PDB file of N, CA and C in Angstrom:
ATOM      1  N   MET A   1      87.079  83.037 100.382  1.00  0.00           N
ATOM      2  CA  MET A   1      86.913  82.890 101.806  1.00  0.00           C
ATOM      3  C   MET A   1      85.839  83.846 102.302  1.00  0.00           C
ATOM      4  N   GLY A   2      85.206  83.439 103.362  1.00  0.00           N
ATOM      5  CA  GLY A   2      84.160  84.255 103.939  1.00  0.00           C
ATOM      6  C   GLY A   2      84.715  85.247 104.934  1.00  0.00           C
ATOM      7  N   ILE A   3      83.813  85.916 105.592  1.00  0.00           N
ATOM      8  CA  ILE A   3      84.195  86.884 106.611  1.00  0.00           C
ATOM      9  C   ILE A   3      84.641  86.121 107.851  1.00  0.00           C
ATOM     10  N   THR A   4      85.755  86.544 108.424  1.00  0.00           N
ATOM     11  CA  THR A   4      86.277  85.921 109.631  1.00  0.00           C
ATOM     12  C   THR A   4      85.457  86.383 110.830  1.00  0.00           C
ATOM     13  N   LYS A   5      85.023  85.439 111.646  1.00  0.00           N
ATOM     14  CA  LYS A   5      84.250  85.772 112.843  1.00  0.00           C
ATOM     15  C   LYS A   5      85.211  86.248 113.924  1.00  0.00           C
ATOM     16  N   THR A   6      85.017  87.463 114.377  1.00  0.00           N
ATOM     17  CA  THR A   6      85.884  88.027 115.410  1.00  0.00           C
ATOM     18  C   THR A   6      85.135  88.302 116.701  1.00  0.00           C
ATOM     19  N   ILE A   7      83.822  88.228 116.667  1.00  0.00           N
ATOM     20  CA  ILE A   7      83.021  88.478 117.865  1.00  0.00           C
ATOM     21  C   ILE A   7      83.263  87.344 118.861  1.00  0.00           C
ATOM     22  N   GLY A   8      83.444  87.717 120.114  1.00  0.00           N
ATOM     23  CA  GLY A   8      83.640  86.728 121.160  1.00  0.00           C
ATOM     24  C   GLY A   8      85.101  86.544 121.533  1.00  0.00           C
ATOM     25  N   PHE A   9      86.008  87.137 120.759  1.00  0.00           N
ATOM     26  CA  PHE A   9      87.436  87.071 121.076  1.00  0.00           C
ATOM     27  C   PHE A   9      87.858  88.421 121.636  1.00  0.00           C
ATOM     28  N   ASP A  10      88.835  88.410 122.543  1.00  0.00           N
ATOM     29  CA  ASP A  10      89.266  89.676 123.121  1.00  0.00           C
ATOM     30  C   ASP A  10      90.000  90.518 122.074  1.00  0.00           C
ATOM     31  N   MET A  11      90.076  91.810 122.350  1.00  0.00           N
ATOM     32  CA  MET A  11      90.639  92.765 121.402  1.00  0.00           C
ATOM     33  C   MET A  11      92.090  92.429 121.046  1.00  0.00           C
ATOM     34  N   GLU A  12      92.887  92.042 122.043  1.00  0.00           N
ATOM     35  CA  GLU A  12      94.292  91.710 121.780  1.00  0.00           C
ATOM     36  C   GLU A  12      94.408  90.550 120.791  1.00  0.00           C
ATOM     37  N   THR A  13      93.592  89.534 120.975  1.00  0.00           N
ATOM     38  CA  THR A  13      93.627  88.379 120.081  1.00  0.00           C
ATOM     39  C   THR A  13      93.234  88.783 118.666  1.00  0.00           C
ATOM     40  N   ASN A  14      92.192  89.579 118.524  1.00  0.00           N
ATOM     41  CA  ASN A  14      91.778  90.038 117.202  1.00  0.00           C
ATOM     42  C   ASN A  14      92.841  90.907 116.535  1.00  0.00           C
ATOM     43  N   GLU A  15      93.454  91.805 117.304  1.00  0.00           N
ATOM     44  CA  GLU A  15      94.494  92.673 116.746  1.00  0.00           C
ATOM     45  C   GLU A  15      95.709  91.857 116.315  1.00  0.00           C
ATOM     46  N   MET A  16      96.144  90.923 117.156  1.00  0.00           N
ATOM     47  CA  MET A  16      97.301  90.104 116.801  1.00  0.00           C
ATOM     48  C   MET A  16      96.998  89.208 115.604  1.00  0.00           C
ATOM     49  N   ALA A  17      95.762  88.742 115.481  1.00  0.00           N
ATOM     50  CA  ALA A  17      95.393  87.927 114.326  1.00  0.00           C
ATOM     51  C   ALA A  17      95.561  88.735 113.040  1.00  0.00           C
ATOM     52  N   GLU A  18      95.143  89.993 113.052  1.00  0.00           N
ATOM     53  CA  GLU A  18      95.288  90.851 111.871  1.00  0.00           C
ATOM     54  C   GLU A  18      96.760  91.120 111.555  1.00  0.00           C
ATOM     55  N   VAL A  19      97.547  91.402 112.578  1.00  0.00           N
ATOM     56  CA  VAL A  19      98.972  91.678 112.379  1.00  0.00           C
ATOM     57  C   VAL A  19      99.683  90.441 111.846  1.00  0.00           C
ATOM     58  N   LEU A  20      99.429  89.302 112.470  1.00  0.00           N
ATOM     59  CA  LEU A  20     100.104  88.074 112.046  1.00  0.00           C
ATOM     60  C   LEU A  20      99.626  87.624 110.665  1.00  0.00           C
ATOM     61  N   LYS A  21      98.371  87.894 110.351  1.00  0.00           N
ATOM     62  CA  LYS A  21      97.867  87.573 109.014  1.00  0.00           C
ATOM     63  C   LYS A  21      98.597  88.418 107.967  1.00  0.00           C
ATOM     64  N   ALA A  22      98.836  89.677 108.279  1.00  0.00           N
ATOM     65  CA  ALA A  22      99.570  90.551 107.353  1.00  0.00           C
ATOM     66  C   ALA A  22     100.992  90.043 107.133  1.00  0.00           C
ATOM     67  N   LEU A  23     101.581  89.455 108.166  1.00  0.00           N
ATOM     68  CA  LEU A  23     102.940  88.908 108.043  1.00  0.00           C
ATOM     69  C   LEU A  23     102.955  87.555 107.340  1.00  0.00           C
ATOM     70  N   GLY A  24     101.792  87.003 107.056  1.00  0.00           N
ATOM     71  CA  GLY A  24     101.701  85.679 106.460  1.00  0.00           C
ATOM     72  C   GLY A  24     101.920  85.642 104.961  1.00  0.00           C
ATOM     73  N   HIS A  25     102.443  86.687 104.392  1.00  0.00           N
ATOM     74  CA  HIS A  25     102.725  86.717 102.954  1.00  0.00           C
ATOM     75  C   HIS A  25     104.230  86.885 102.752  1.00  0.00           C
ATOM     76  N   PRO A  26     104.844  86.096 101.875  1.00  0.00           N
ATOM     77  CA  PRO A  26     106.302  86.169 101.690  1.00  0.00           C
ATOM     78  C   PRO A  26     106.811  87.556 101.298  1.00  0.00           C
ATOM     79  N   ALA A  27     106.061  88.275 100.490  1.00  0.00           N
ATOM     80  CA  ALA A  27     106.504  89.619 100.088  1.00  0.00           C
ATOM     81  C   ALA A  27     106.532  90.553 101.294  1.00  0.00           C
ATOM     82  N   ARG A  28     105.535  90.441 102.146  1.00  0.00           N
ATOM     83  CA  ARG A  28     105.482  91.313 103.328  1.00  0.00           C
ATOM     84  C   ARG A  28     106.568  90.950 104.318  1.00  0.00           C
ATOM     85  N   LEU A  29     106.837  89.659 104.464  1.00  0.00           N
ATOM     86  CA  LEU A  29     107.951  89.260 105.323  1.00  0.00           C
ATOM     87  C   LEU A  29     109.274  89.777 104.770  1.00  0.00           C
ATOM     88  N   ALA A  30     109.438  89.737 103.463  1.00  0.00           N
ATOM     89  CA  ALA A  30     110.660  90.244 102.840  1.00  0.00           C
ATOM     90  C   ALA A  30     110.795  91.749 103.060  1.00  0.00           C
ATOM     91  N   ILE A  31     109.694  92.465 102.974  1.00  0.00           N
ATOM     92  CA  ILE A  31     109.719  93.907 103.223  1.00  0.00           C
ATOM     93  C   ILE A  31     110.123  94.180 104.660  1.00  0.00           C
ATOM     94  N   VAL A  32     109.517  93.479 105.605  1.00  0.00           N
ATOM     95  CA  VAL A  32     109.844  93.670 107.023  1.00  0.00           C
ATOM     96  C   VAL A  32     111.305  93.316 107.271  1.00  0.00           C
ATOM     97  N   LYS A  33     111.752  92.220 106.701  1.00  0.00           N
ATOM     98  CA  LYS A  33     113.157  91.822 106.862  1.00  0.00           C
ATOM     99  C   LYS A  33     114.087  92.906 106.323  1.00  0.00           C
ATOM    100  N   TYR A  34     113.763  93.445 105.159  1.00  0.00           N
ATOM    101  CA  TYR A  34     114.567  94.516 104.575  1.00  0.00           C
ATOM    102  C   TYR A  34     114.597  95.740 105.495  1.00  0.00           C
ATOM    103  N   LEU A  35     113.434  96.096 106.045  1.00  0.00           N
ATOM    104  CA  LEU A  35     113.364  97.266 106.917  1.00  0.00           C
ATOM    105  C   LEU A  35     114.099  97.059 108.242  1.00  0.00           C
ATOM    106  N   THR A  36     114.277  95.803 108.672  1.00  0.00           N
ATOM    107  CA  THR A  36     115.067  95.566 109.892  1.00  0.00           C
ATOM    108  C   THR A  36     116.531  95.878 109.657  1.00  0.00           C
ATOM    109  N   GLN A  37     116.949  95.828 108.413  1.00  0.00           N
ATOM    110  CA  GLN A  37     118.348  96.091 108.065  1.00  0.00           C
ATOM    111  C   GLN A  37     118.572  97.527 107.613  1.00  0.00           C
ATOM    112  N   THR A  38     117.492  98.296 107.470  1.00  0.00           N
ATOM    113  CA  THR A  38     117.559  99.663 106.983  1.00  0.00           C
ATOM    114  C   THR A  38     116.712 100.529 107.898  1.00  0.00           C
ATOM    115  N   PRO A  39     117.280 101.563 108.513  1.00  0.00           N
ATOM    116  CA  PRO A  39     116.483 102.386 109.429  1.00  0.00           C
ATOM    117  C   PRO A  39     115.272 103.033 108.758  1.00  0.00           C
ATOM    118  N   SER A  40     115.414 103.433 107.516  1.00  0.00           N
ATOM    119  CA  SER A  40     114.292 103.953 106.743  1.00  0.00           C
ATOM    120  C   SER A  40     114.671 103.836 105.272  1.00  0.00           C
ATOM    121  N   CYS A  41     113.706 103.929 104.417  1.00  0.00           N
ATOM    122  CA  CYS A  41     114.026 103.791 103.003  1.00  0.00           C
ATOM    123  C   CYS A  41     112.947 104.444 102.169  1.00  0.00           C
ATOM    124  N   ILE A  42     113.236 104.584 100.910  1.00  0.00           N
ATOM    125  CA  ILE A  42     112.269 105.092  99.948  1.00  0.00           C
ATOM    126  C   ILE A  42     111.667 103.883  99.257  1.00  0.00           C
ATOM    127  N   CYS A  43     110.409 103.956  98.917  1.00  0.00           N
ATOM    128  CA  CYS A  43     109.707 102.829  98.307  1.00  0.00           C
ATOM    129  C   CYS A  43     110.474 102.231  97.140  1.00  0.00           C
ATOM    130  N   GLY A  44     111.119 103.059  96.337  1.00  0.00           N
ATOM    131  CA  GLY A  44     111.891 102.566  95.196  1.00  0.00           C
ATOM    132  C   GLY A  44     112.993 101.617  95.614  1.00  0.00           C
ATOM    133  N   ASP A  45     113.569 101.840  96.799  1.00  0.00           N
ATOM    134  CA  ASP A  45     114.606 100.937  97.312  1.00  0.00           C
ATOM    135  C   ASP A  45     114.024  99.556  97.596  1.00  0.00           C
ATOM    136  N   ILE A  46     112.830  99.508  98.114  1.00  0.00           N
ATOM    137  CA  ILE A  46     112.182  98.233  98.406  1.00  0.00           C
ATOM    138  C   ILE A  46     111.857  97.512  97.103  1.00  0.00           C
ATOM    139  N   VAL A  47     111.358  98.241  96.141  1.00  0.00           N
ATOM    140  CA  VAL A  47     111.025  97.655  94.845  1.00  0.00           C
ATOM    141  C   VAL A  47     112.267  97.029  94.205  1.00  0.00           C
ATOM    142  N   ALA A  48     113.417  97.658  94.401  1.00  0.00           N
ATOM    143  CA  ALA A  48     114.661  97.173  93.788  1.00  0.00           C
ATOM    144  C   ALA A  48     115.102  95.819  94.355  1.00  0.00           C
ATOM    145  N   VAL A  49     114.696  95.487  95.577  1.00  0.00           N
ATOM    146  CA  VAL A  49     115.150  94.233  96.192  1.00  0.00           C
ATOM    147  C   VAL A  49     114.110  93.120  96.129  1.00  0.00           C
ATOM    148  N   LEU A  50     112.933  93.413  95.589  1.00  0.00           N
ATOM    149  CA  LEU A  50     111.882  92.402  95.481  1.00  0.00           C
ATOM    150  C   LEU A  50     111.574  92.094  94.019  1.00  0.00           C
ATOM    151  N   PRO A  51     111.180  90.862  93.739  1.00  0.00           N
ATOM    152  CA  PRO A  51     110.837  90.500  92.356  1.00  0.00           C
ATOM    153  C   PRO A  51     109.390  90.841  92.012  1.00  0.00           C
ATOM    154  N   LEU A  52     108.966  92.047  92.395  1.00  0.00           N
ATOM    155  CA  LEU A  52     107.577  92.456  92.207  1.00  0.00           C
ATOM    156  C   LEU A  52     107.509  93.838  91.571  1.00  0.00           C
ATOM    157  N   ALA A  53     106.403  94.121  90.928  1.00  0.00           N
ATOM    158  CA  ALA A  53     106.171  95.439  90.342  1.00  0.00           C
ATOM    159  C   ALA A  53     105.980  96.479  91.445  1.00  0.00           C
ATOM    160  N   GLN A  54     106.251  97.706  91.119  1.00  0.00           N
ATOM    161  CA  GLN A  54     106.128  98.791  92.082  1.00  0.00           C
ATOM    162  C   GLN A  54     104.713  98.878  92.637  1.00  0.00           C
ATOM    163  N   SER A  55     103.718  98.693  91.804  1.00  0.00           N
ATOM    164  CA  SER A  55     102.326  98.768  92.269  1.00  0.00           C
ATOM    165  C   SER A  55     102.012  97.656  93.267  1.00  0.00           C
ATOM    166  N   THR A  56     102.583  96.479  93.058  1.00  0.00           N
ATOM    167  CA  THR A  56     102.374  95.358  93.976  1.00  0.00           C
ATOM    168  C   THR A  56     103.055  95.630  95.312  1.00  0.00           C
ATOM    169  N   VAL A  57     104.271  96.151  95.256  1.00  0.00           N
ATOM    170  CA  VAL A  57     104.987  96.501  96.492  1.00  0.00           C
ATOM    171  C   VAL A  57     104.198  97.567  97.247  1.00  0.00           C
ATOM    172  N   SER A  58     103.665  98.545  96.551  1.00  0.00           N
ATOM    173  CA  SER A  58     102.877  99.592  97.202  1.00  0.00           C
ATOM    174  C   SER A  58     101.663  99.015  97.911  1.00  0.00           C
ATOM    175  N   LYS A  59     101.007  98.037  97.296  1.00  0.00           N
ATOM    176  CA  LYS A  59      99.860  97.391  97.928  1.00  0.00           C
ATOM    177  C   LYS A  59     100.275  96.663  99.203  1.00  0.00           C
ATOM    178  N   HIS A  60     101.409  95.953  99.155  1.00  0.00           N
ATOM    179  CA  HIS A  60     101.898  95.255 100.348  1.00  0.00           C
ATOM    180  C   HIS A  60     102.290  96.249 101.447  1.00  0.00           C
ATOM    181  N   LEU A  61     102.921  97.350 101.060  1.00  0.00           N
ATOM    182  CA  LEU A  61     103.261  98.389 102.030  1.00  0.00           C
ATOM    183  C   LEU A  61     102.006  98.957 102.677  1.00  0.00           C
ATOM    184  N   SER A  62     100.982  99.132 101.882  1.00  0.00           N
ATOM    185  CA  SER A  62      99.711  99.634 102.398  1.00  0.00           C
ATOM    186  C   SER A  62      99.114  98.683 103.429  1.00  0.00           C
ATOM    187  N   GLU A  63      99.167  97.395 103.150  1.00  0.00           N
ATOM    188  CA  GLU A  63      98.650  96.395 104.102  1.00  0.00           C
ATOM    189  C   GLU A  63      99.454  96.396 105.396  1.00  0.00           C
ATOM    190  N   LEU A  64     100.769  96.498 105.287  1.00  0.00           N
ATOM    191  CA  LEU A  64     101.624  96.530 106.480  1.00  0.00           C
ATOM    192  C   LEU A  64     101.360  97.790 107.299  1.00  0.00           C
ATOM    193  N   LYS A  65     101.149  98.890 106.619  1.00  0.00           N
ATOM    194  CA  LYS A  65     100.875 100.143 107.314  1.00  0.00           C
ATOM    195  C   LYS A  65      99.501 100.101 107.982  1.00  0.00           C
ATOM    196  N   LYS A  66      98.530  99.492 107.308  1.00  0.00           N
ATOM    197  CA  LYS A  66      97.157  99.410 107.830  1.00  0.00           C
ATOM    198  C   LYS A  66      97.122  98.726 109.197  1.00  0.00           C
ATOM    199  N   VAL A  67      97.938  97.691 109.398  1.00  0.00           N
ATOM    200  CA  VAL A  67      97.937  96.979 110.680  1.00  0.00           C
ATOM    201  C   VAL A  67      98.988  97.526 111.643  1.00  0.00           C
ATOM    202  N   GLY A  68      99.698  98.580 111.245  1.00  0.00           N
ATOM    203  CA  GLY A  68     100.629  99.241 112.151  1.00  0.00           C
ATOM    204  C   GLY A  68     102.015  98.644 112.215  1.00  0.00           C
ATOM    205  N   LEU A  69     102.357  97.733 111.301  1.00  0.00           N
ATOM    206  CA  LEU A  69     103.696  97.147 111.312  1.00  0.00           C
ATOM    207  C   LEU A  69     104.753  98.122 110.819  1.00  0.00           C
ATOM    208  N   ILE A  70     104.362  98.995 109.915  1.00  0.00           N
ATOM    209  CA  ILE A  70     105.293 100.009 109.437  1.00  0.00           C
ATOM    210  C   ILE A  70     104.646 101.368 109.563  1.00  0.00           C
ATOM    211  N   GLN A  71     105.475 102.376 109.536  1.00  0.00           N
ATOM    212  CA  GLN A  71     104.994 103.755 109.514  1.00  0.00           C
ATOM    213  C   GLN A  71     105.760 104.465 108.421  1.00  0.00           C
ATOM    214  N   GLY A  72     105.181 105.514 107.881  1.00  0.00           N
ATOM    215  CA  GLY A  72     105.860 106.189 106.795  1.00  0.00           C
ATOM    216  C   GLY A  72     105.272 107.534 106.472  1.00  0.00           C
ATOM    217  N   ASN A  73     106.036 108.262 105.689  1.00  0.00           N
ATOM    218  CA  ASN A  73     105.643 109.583 105.238  1.00  0.00           C
ATOM    219  C   ASN A  73     105.708 109.638 103.722  1.00  0.00           C
ATOM    220  N   ILE A  74     104.799 110.387 103.137  1.00  0.00           N
ATOM    221  CA  ILE A  74     104.839 110.605 101.700  1.00  0.00           C
ATOM    222  C   ILE A  74     105.224 112.056 101.490  1.00  0.00           C
ATOM    223  N   SER A  75     106.316 112.256 100.770  1.00  0.00           N
ATOM    224  CA  SER A  75     106.822 113.594 100.499  1.00  0.00           C
ATOM    225  C   SER A  75     107.027 113.721  98.995  1.00  0.00           C
ATOM    226  N   GLY A  76     106.075 114.329  98.310  1.00  0.00           N
ATOM    227  CA  GLY A  76     106.160 114.418  96.852  1.00  0.00           C
ATOM    228  C   GLY A  76     106.016 113.039  96.245  1.00  0.00           C
ATOM    229  N   ASN A  77     106.965 112.656  95.408  1.00  0.00           N
ATOM    230  CA  ASN A  77     106.943 111.331  94.784  1.00  0.00           C
ATOM    231  C   ASN A  77     107.627 110.278  95.648  1.00  0.00           C
ATOM    232  N   ASN A  78     108.227 110.688  96.752  1.00  0.00           N
ATOM    233  CA  ASN A  78     108.979 109.758  97.601  1.00  0.00           C
ATOM    234  C   ASN A  78     108.150 109.311  98.798  1.00  0.00           C
ATOM    235  N   SER A  79     108.223 108.046  99.086  1.00  0.00           N
ATOM    236  CA  SER A  79     107.577 107.488 100.271  1.00  0.00           C
ATOM    237  C   SER A  79     108.661 106.874 101.131  1.00  0.00           C
ATOM    238  N   CYS A  80     108.714 107.288 102.378  1.00  0.00           N
ATOM    239  CA  CYS A  80     109.739 106.784 103.295  1.00  0.00           C
ATOM    240  C   CYS A  80     109.061 105.921 104.350  1.00  0.00           C
ATOM    241  N   TYR A  81     109.528 104.681 104.501  1.00  0.00           N
ATOM    242  CA  TYR A  81     108.927 103.752 105.443  1.00  0.00           C
ATOM    243  C   TYR A  81     109.957 103.244 106.432  1.00  0.00           C
ATOM    244  N   CYS A  82     109.485 102.934 107.637  1.00  0.00           N
ATOM    245  CA  CYS A  82     110.318 102.266 108.642  1.00  0.00           C
ATOM    246  C   CYS A  82     109.403 101.402 109.503  1.00  0.00           C
ATOM    247  N   LEU A  83     110.007 100.513 110.277  1.00  0.00           N
ATOM    248  CA  LEU A  83     109.232  99.639 111.160  1.00  0.00           C
ATOM    249  C   LEU A  83     108.643 100.450 112.306  1.00  0.00           C
ATOM    250  N   ASN A  84     107.508 100.011 112.785  1.00  0.00           N
ATOM    251  CA  ASN A  84     106.864 100.640 113.933  1.00  0.00           C
ATOM    252  C   ASN A  84     107.258  99.832 115.172  1.00  0.00           C
ATOM    253  N   PRO A  85     108.190 100.350 115.978  1.00  0.00           N
ATOM    254  CA  PRO A  85     108.681  99.567 117.122  1.00  0.00           C
ATOM    255  C   PRO A  85     107.600  99.214 118.128  1.00  0.00           C
ATOM    256  N   GLU A  86     106.588 100.052 118.281  1.00  0.00           N
ATOM    257  CA  GLU A  86     105.513  99.773 119.238  1.00  0.00           C
ATOM    258  C   GLU A  86     104.774  98.487 118.861  1.00  0.00           C
ATOM    259  N   THR A  87     104.459  98.331 117.593  1.00  0.00           N
ATOM    260  CA  THR A  87     103.748  97.126 117.150  1.00  0.00           C
ATOM    261  C   THR A  87     104.626  95.895 117.312  1.00  0.00           C
ATOM    262  N   PHE A  88     105.905  96.004 116.983  1.00  0.00           N
ATOM    263  CA  PHE A  88     106.787  94.848 117.125  1.00  0.00           C
ATOM    264  C   PHE A  88     106.995  94.465 118.586  1.00  0.00           C
ATOM    265  N   ASN A  89     106.984  95.436 119.482  1.00  0.00           N
ATOM    266  CA  ASN A  89     107.052  95.117 120.912  1.00  0.00           C
ATOM    267  C   ASN A  89     105.788  94.396 121.363  1.00  0.00           C
ATOM    268  N   ARG A  90     104.625  94.805 120.831  1.00  0.00           N
ATOM    269  CA  ARG A  90     103.376  94.108 121.167  1.00  0.00           C
ATOM    270  C   ARG A  90     103.389  92.678 120.655  1.00  0.00           C
ATOM    271  N   ILE A  91     103.946  92.460 119.468  1.00  0.00           N
ATOM    272  CA  ILE A  91     104.064  91.099 118.929  1.00  0.00           C
ATOM    273  C   ILE A  91     104.947  90.260 119.835  1.00  0.00           C
ATOM    274  N   LYS A  92     106.075  90.815 120.247  1.00  0.00           N
ATOM    275  CA  LYS A  92     106.988  90.076 121.134  1.00  0.00           C
ATOM    276  C   LYS A  92     106.295  89.688 122.434  1.00  0.00           C
ATOM    277  N   LEU A  93     105.598  90.637 123.036  1.00  0.00           N
ATOM    278  CA  LEU A  93     104.891  90.347 124.287  1.00  0.00           C
ATOM    279  C   LEU A  93     103.826  89.273 124.088  1.00  0.00           C
ATOM    280  N   PHE A  94     103.080  89.367 122.993  1.00  0.00           N
ATOM    281  CA  PHE A  94     102.032  88.393 122.721  1.00  0.00           C
ATOM    282  C   PHE A  94     102.634  86.997 122.528  1.00  0.00           C
ATOM    283  N   LEU A  95     103.683  86.902 121.730  1.00  0.00           N
ATOM    284  CA  LEU A  95     104.315  85.601 121.498  1.00  0.00           C
ATOM    285  C   LEU A  95     104.964  85.061 122.765  1.00  0.00           C
ATOM    286  N   ASN A  96     105.482  85.954 123.604  1.00  0.00           N
ATOM    287  CA  ASN A  96     106.042  85.503 124.885  1.00  0.00           C
ATOM    288  C   ASN A  96     104.979  84.876 125.772  1.00  0.00           C
ATOM    289  N   THR A  97     103.747  85.413 125.725  1.00  0.00           N
ATOM    290  CA  THR A  97     102.685  84.808 126.535  1.00  0.00           C
ATOM    291  C   THR A  97     102.335  83.416 126.017  1.00  0.00           C
ATOM    292  N   LEU A  98     102.459  83.222 124.698  1.00  0.00           N
ATOM    293  CA  LEU A  98     102.162  81.907 124.124  1.00  0.00           C
ATOM    294  C   LEU A  98     103.245  80.888 124.440  1.00  0.00           C
ATOM    295  N   THR A  99     104.466  81.358 124.603  1.00  0.00           N
ATOM    296  CA  THR A  99     105.585  80.440 124.828  1.00  0.00           C
ATOM    297  C   THR A  99     106.085  80.473 126.268  1.00  0.00           C
ATOM    298  N   ALA A 100     105.338  81.119 127.159  1.00  0.00           N
ATOM    299  CA  ALA A 100     105.778  81.261 128.543  1.00  0.00           C
ATOM    300  C   ALA A 100     105.737  79.944 129.316  1.00  0.00           C
ATOM    301  N   PHE A 101     104.899  79.029 128.884  1.00  0.00           N
ATOM    302  CA  PHE A 101     104.817  77.768 129.598  1.00  0.00           C
ATOM    303  C   PHE A 101     105.901  76.829 129.093  1.00  0.00           C
ATOM    304  N   SER A 102     106.250  75.895 129.918  1.00  0.00           N
ATOM    305  CA  SER A 102     107.273  74.920 129.556  1.00  0.00           C
ATOM    306  C   SER A 102     106.637  73.812 128.727  1.00  0.00           C
ATOM    307  N   ILE A 103     107.202  73.563 127.585  1.00  0.00           N
ATOM    308  CA  ILE A 103     106.686  72.494 126.731  1.00  0.00           C
ATOM    309  C   ILE A 103     107.285  71.185 127.224  1.00  0.00           C
ATOM    310  N   THR A 104     106.406  70.302 127.665  1.00  0.00           N
ATOM    311  CA  THR A 104     106.853  69.013 128.170  1.00  0.00           C
ATOM    312  C   THR A 104     106.357  67.930 127.236  1.00  0.00           C
ATOM    313  N   GLU A 105     106.674  66.709 127.565  1.00  0.00           N
ATOM    314  CA  GLU A 105     106.249  65.596 126.733  1.00  0.00           C
ATOM    315  C   GLU A 105     104.740  65.603 126.598  1.00  0.00           C
ATOM    316  N   ASN A 106     104.267  65.577 125.375  1.00  0.00           N
ATOM    317  CA  ASN A 106     102.841  65.601 125.115  1.00  0.00           C
ATOM    318  C   ASN A 106     102.314  64.172 125.168  1.00  0.00           C
ATOM    319  N   LYS A 107     101.427  63.893 126.099  1.00  0.00           N
ATOM    320  CA  LYS A 107     100.923  62.531 126.268  1.00  0.00           C
ATOM    321  C   LYS A 107      99.587  62.291 125.579  1.00  0.00           C
ATOM    322  N   CYS A 108      99.067  63.307 124.903  1.00  0.00           N
ATOM    323  CA  CYS A 108      97.755  63.122 124.301  1.00  0.00           C
ATOM    324  C   CYS A 108      97.825  62.650 122.849  1.00  0.00           C
ATOM    325  N   CYS A 109      98.913  62.838 122.184  1.00  0.00           N
ATOM    326  CA  CYS A 109      98.999  62.448 120.764  1.00  0.00           C
ATOM    327  C   CYS A 109     100.172  61.510 120.515  1.00  0.00           C
TER     328      CYS A 109
END
């Protein structure tokens, strides 16, 4: 795939596109789902619940952290991650704006 054109779109749209793109992978969705059930965890705990190698899980965690979906600390060999509530609130607000209108019978298709 080529470079995605982002010029001409507002900042919120570009930011949400990056966040939602990060959520578009089953492993990342599984990580987020796991973190919704756990206030915080060590990376090894996440690896134990996914059918992926530790290095692969670390890469997915890195992608989630890059877009602000999770936050975490590295302390020695342990990495502790949790969801970033600010980003999830922004997602909720953005999706609410998309669904704020009433969906009526579509007469064009």
